Protein backbone atom coordinates (compact mmCIF):
# COMPACT_ATOMS: atom_id res chain seq x y z
CA ALA A 1 7.84 -54.33 92.27
CA PHE A 2 7.42 -54.43 88.52
CA THR A 3 6.95 -51.06 86.84
CA ILE A 4 5.50 -50.52 83.37
CA THR A 5 8.33 -48.73 81.60
CA GLY A 6 10.53 -49.42 78.63
CA THR A 7 9.82 -51.32 75.44
CA SER A 8 7.36 -54.12 74.80
CA GLY A 9 10.34 -56.45 74.56
CA THR A 10 11.35 -55.52 78.08
CA LEU A 11 7.78 -56.13 79.25
CA THR A 12 7.71 -59.53 77.59
CA ARG A 13 10.98 -60.60 79.17
CA THR A 14 10.12 -59.28 82.62
CA VAL A 15 6.60 -60.66 82.84
CA GLY A 16 7.67 -63.87 81.17
CA ALA A 17 10.35 -64.32 83.82
CA SER A 18 7.74 -63.79 86.56
CA LEU A 19 5.37 -66.31 84.99
CA ASP A 20 8.23 -68.81 84.76
CA LEU A 21 8.44 -68.72 88.55
CA LEU A 22 4.93 -70.14 88.76
CA SER A 23 4.17 -73.83 88.54
CA GLY A 24 1.44 -76.19 87.40
CA ALA A 25 -1.79 -74.40 86.49
CA GLU A 26 -0.68 -71.12 88.08
CA PRO A 27 0.49 -69.38 84.87
CA GLN A 28 -2.83 -70.18 83.18
CA ARG A 29 -4.75 -68.89 86.18
CA CYS A 30 -2.76 -65.70 86.07
CA VAL A 31 -3.52 -64.97 82.41
CA GLU A 32 -7.19 -65.81 83.00
CA LEU A 33 -7.41 -62.64 85.09
CA SER A 34 -7.36 -60.70 81.80
CA VAL A 35 -11.06 -61.53 81.32
CA PHE A 36 -12.01 -59.01 84.00
CA PRO A 37 -12.79 -55.43 82.85
CA GLU A 38 -10.11 -52.77 82.73
CA ASP A 39 -9.59 -50.38 85.63
CA LYS A 40 -11.72 -52.37 88.06
CA ALA A 41 -11.03 -53.68 91.54
CA ILE A 42 -12.13 -57.30 91.33
CA PRO A 43 -13.43 -59.06 94.47
CA LEU A 44 -11.42 -62.09 95.53
CA GLN A 45 -14.64 -64.09 95.51
CA ALA A 46 -15.02 -63.42 91.78
CA VAL A 47 -11.42 -64.51 91.24
CA ALA A 48 -12.12 -67.68 93.26
CA ASP A 49 -15.15 -68.39 91.05
CA LEU A 50 -13.06 -67.83 87.92
CA TRP A 51 -10.41 -70.24 89.19
CA ARG A 52 -13.01 -72.69 90.57
CA CYS A 53 -11.41 -72.53 94.03
CA ALA A 54 -13.53 -74.39 96.56
CA ASP A 55 -11.69 -72.61 99.38
CA LEU A 56 -11.28 -68.82 99.29
CA ASP A 57 -8.01 -69.22 101.23
CA ASP A 58 -6.52 -71.12 98.28
CA CYS A 59 -7.45 -68.24 95.99
CA GLU A 60 -5.92 -65.74 98.39
CA ASP A 61 -2.68 -67.75 98.62
CA LEU A 62 -2.20 -67.66 94.84
CA ALA A 63 -3.20 -63.98 94.70
CA ARG A 64 -0.52 -63.23 97.30
CA ARG A 65 2.04 -65.03 95.17
CA LEU A 66 1.05 -63.12 92.04
CA ASP A 67 1.21 -59.89 94.00
CA GLU A 68 4.72 -60.72 95.25
CA LEU A 69 5.75 -61.23 91.63
CA ALA A 70 4.15 -57.86 90.74
CA LEU A 71 1.75 -59.51 88.30
CA ILE A 72 -1.29 -58.12 90.10
CA GLU A 73 -2.07 -55.65 92.89
CA LEU A 74 -3.69 -57.35 95.89
CA ASP A 75 -5.56 -55.27 98.45
CA LEU A 76 -6.38 -57.56 101.35
CA SER A 77 -8.02 -54.75 103.32
CA GLN A 78 -10.63 -54.46 100.54
CA GLY A 79 -10.48 -58.08 99.44
CA THR A 80 -9.78 -57.12 95.82
CA VAL A 81 -7.22 -57.51 93.05
CA ARG A 82 -6.29 -55.24 90.15
CA VAL A 83 -4.34 -55.95 86.98
CA HIS A 84 -2.45 -53.07 85.37
CA ASP A 85 -3.88 -52.34 81.90
CA THR A 86 -0.58 -53.08 80.15
CA LEU A 87 -0.18 -56.36 82.00
CA ARG A 88 -3.79 -57.20 81.26
CA ALA A 89 -3.22 -56.73 77.53
CA TYR A 90 -0.09 -58.90 77.72
CA MET A 91 -2.01 -61.64 79.52
CA ALA A 92 -4.96 -61.44 77.13
CA GLU A 93 -2.67 -62.16 74.19
CA ARG A 94 -1.64 -65.41 75.89
CA LEU A 95 -5.04 -66.50 77.13
CA GLY A 96 -6.28 -68.50 74.18
CA ASP A 97 -10.05 -69.04 74.08
CA ALA A 98 -11.20 -66.06 76.14
CA SER A 99 -14.88 -66.70 75.46
CA ALA A 100 -14.63 -70.10 77.13
CA VAL A 101 -13.08 -68.53 80.24
CA HIS A 102 -15.87 -65.94 80.41
CA ALA A 103 -18.39 -68.76 79.97
CA GLY A 104 -16.78 -70.71 82.80
CA LEU A 105 -17.17 -67.75 85.16
CA LEU A 106 -20.81 -67.31 84.17
CA ASP A 107 -21.46 -71.01 84.73
CA ALA A 108 -19.84 -70.77 88.17
CA TRP A 109 -22.34 -68.03 89.07
CA GLY A 110 -25.27 -70.27 88.19
CA ASP A 111 -28.83 -68.98 87.89
CA PRO A 112 -28.74 -65.49 86.32
CA HIS A 113 -31.85 -64.58 88.32
CA ALA A 114 -30.01 -65.22 91.60
CA LEU A 115 -26.44 -64.03 91.07
CA PRO A 116 -24.27 -64.38 94.18
CA TYR A 117 -22.88 -60.86 94.83
CA ALA A 118 -22.75 -57.27 93.63
CA TYR A 119 -19.84 -57.67 91.20
CA ALA A 120 -21.67 -60.49 89.43
CA TRP A 121 -24.76 -58.34 88.95
CA ARG A 122 -22.80 -55.31 87.75
CA SER A 123 -20.55 -57.17 85.30
CA PHE A 124 -22.90 -59.93 84.14
CA ALA A 125 -23.76 -58.33 80.78
CA TYR A 126 -20.06 -57.67 80.08
CA HIS A 127 -19.12 -61.31 80.65
CA MET A 128 -22.16 -62.53 78.70
CA ARG A 129 -21.13 -60.41 75.71
CA CYS A 130 -17.53 -61.63 75.91
CA ALA A 131 -18.75 -65.23 76.13
CA GLY A 132 -20.71 -64.76 72.90
CA ARG A 133 -24.06 -65.02 74.66
CA ASP A 134 -25.64 -61.83 73.32
CA ASP A 135 -28.92 -63.54 72.42
CA GLN A 136 -29.34 -64.85 75.96
CA MET A 137 -28.49 -61.46 77.41
CA GLU A 138 -31.02 -59.72 75.20
CA ALA A 139 -33.67 -62.18 76.38
CA LEU A 140 -32.84 -61.43 80.03
CA LEU A 141 -33.18 -57.71 79.40
CA LEU A 142 -36.74 -58.38 78.28
CA ASP A 143 -37.45 -60.68 81.25
CA PRO A 144 -39.42 -58.83 83.97
CA ARG A 145 -38.15 -61.17 86.69
CA TRP A 146 -34.52 -60.47 85.75
CA LEU A 147 -35.09 -56.72 85.45
CA SER A 148 -36.59 -56.66 88.93
CA ALA A 149 -33.69 -58.66 90.42
CA LYS A 150 -31.09 -56.49 88.68
CA LEU A 151 -32.67 -53.28 89.97
CA ALA A 152 -32.87 -54.69 93.49
CA ALA A 153 -29.18 -55.65 93.42
CA THR A 154 -27.80 -52.54 91.67
CA ASP A 155 -29.52 -49.41 90.30
CA VAL A 156 -31.24 -48.12 87.19
CA TYR A 157 -28.02 -46.76 85.70
CA ALA A 158 -26.41 -50.20 85.82
CA LEU A 159 -29.44 -51.58 83.99
CA ILE A 160 -29.24 -48.85 81.36
CA ALA A 161 -25.57 -49.69 80.85
CA ASP A 162 -26.51 -53.34 80.28
CA CYS A 163 -28.88 -52.30 77.51
CA GLU A 164 -26.04 -50.38 75.86
CA ASP A 165 -23.46 -53.16 76.26
CA VAL A 166 -25.25 -55.79 74.19
CA ASN A 167 -25.58 -55.57 70.41
CA ALA A 168 -28.92 -53.93 71.00
CA ILE A 169 -31.88 -54.86 68.88
CA ARG A 170 -34.40 -52.06 68.37
CA VAL A 171 -36.65 -53.15 71.23
CA LEU A 172 -33.74 -52.97 73.68
CA ALA A 173 -32.94 -49.45 72.54
CA THR A 174 -36.59 -48.60 73.21
CA VAL A 175 -36.42 -50.14 76.69
CA ARG A 176 -33.14 -48.32 77.36
CA ASP A 177 -34.68 -44.99 76.39
CA ALA A 178 -37.68 -45.67 78.62
CA LEU A 179 -35.37 -46.47 81.52
CA ARG A 180 -33.46 -43.24 80.95
CA LEU A 181 -36.68 -41.24 81.12
CA SER A 182 -37.71 -43.18 84.22
CA ALA A 183 -34.33 -42.88 85.97
CA PRO A 184 -35.17 -39.92 88.27
CA ALA A 185 -38.19 -41.77 89.65
CA LEU A 186 -36.42 -45.12 89.89
CA VAL A 187 -33.49 -43.67 91.81
CA ILE A 188 -35.99 -42.72 94.50
CA ASP A 189 -38.11 -45.88 94.32
CA PRO A 190 -36.83 -48.77 92.14
CA SER A 191 -39.98 -50.77 92.88
CA GLN A 192 -41.89 -48.42 90.53
CA TRP A 193 -40.09 -49.81 87.47
CA ARG A 194 -43.10 -51.80 86.24
CA ALA A 195 -45.43 -48.82 86.36
CA GLN A 196 -42.82 -46.56 84.77
CA LEU A 197 -42.09 -48.91 81.87
CA HIS A 198 -45.75 -49.75 81.39
CA ALA A 199 -46.62 -46.08 81.02
CA ARG A 200 -43.76 -45.37 78.63
CA LEU A 201 -44.04 -48.51 76.49
CA LEU A 202 -47.81 -48.93 76.35
CA GLY A 203 -48.10 -47.35 72.91
CA VAL A 204 -45.02 -49.00 71.40
CA PRO A 205 -45.93 -51.64 68.78
CA GLY A 206 -44.22 -55.02 68.68
CA PRO A 207 -44.66 -58.40 70.40
CA GLU A 208 -41.72 -57.92 72.75
């Protein structure tokens, strides 16, 4: 297995040699994994969406190969992959247009009001920001239908984090603060979010 020790030159030679053992589109697919957040176990389904694999088995086959080359850590029991932070940084430098790769993943997920699985809901704002879609993300955070779906799929703290991740306009900071104050109630009953926000935002001026 590859271990992260030694100089950056050693890293470049070692990882470069591993990438050279790949063929066709495989090296590009490998470096595309750098778009996922640091220190996260990424579901294979999300990797399959990133790579546009119609068959999850095809995604798993390539993930096994990358794991054998010590480019990623594959956990089949959990159905996840991890990329070591140092390797991730190396791959990111060789990715090219990262925003386009993030955008491709978002497009694979389709309707933002009906995202396909938990990872998509939890990381959606991160990928939107990295794709340069801050304006669209801000609009979703002011969309009652999206707020309701996000809370149903995750929790209030994930929603608060989304408000912090975008380049927040003042109204989003106000919504974030209202969510923080409402968090104890929404942990118990997320369906109360409308009543909670209505009570806390009723006196706030502004068309939003």
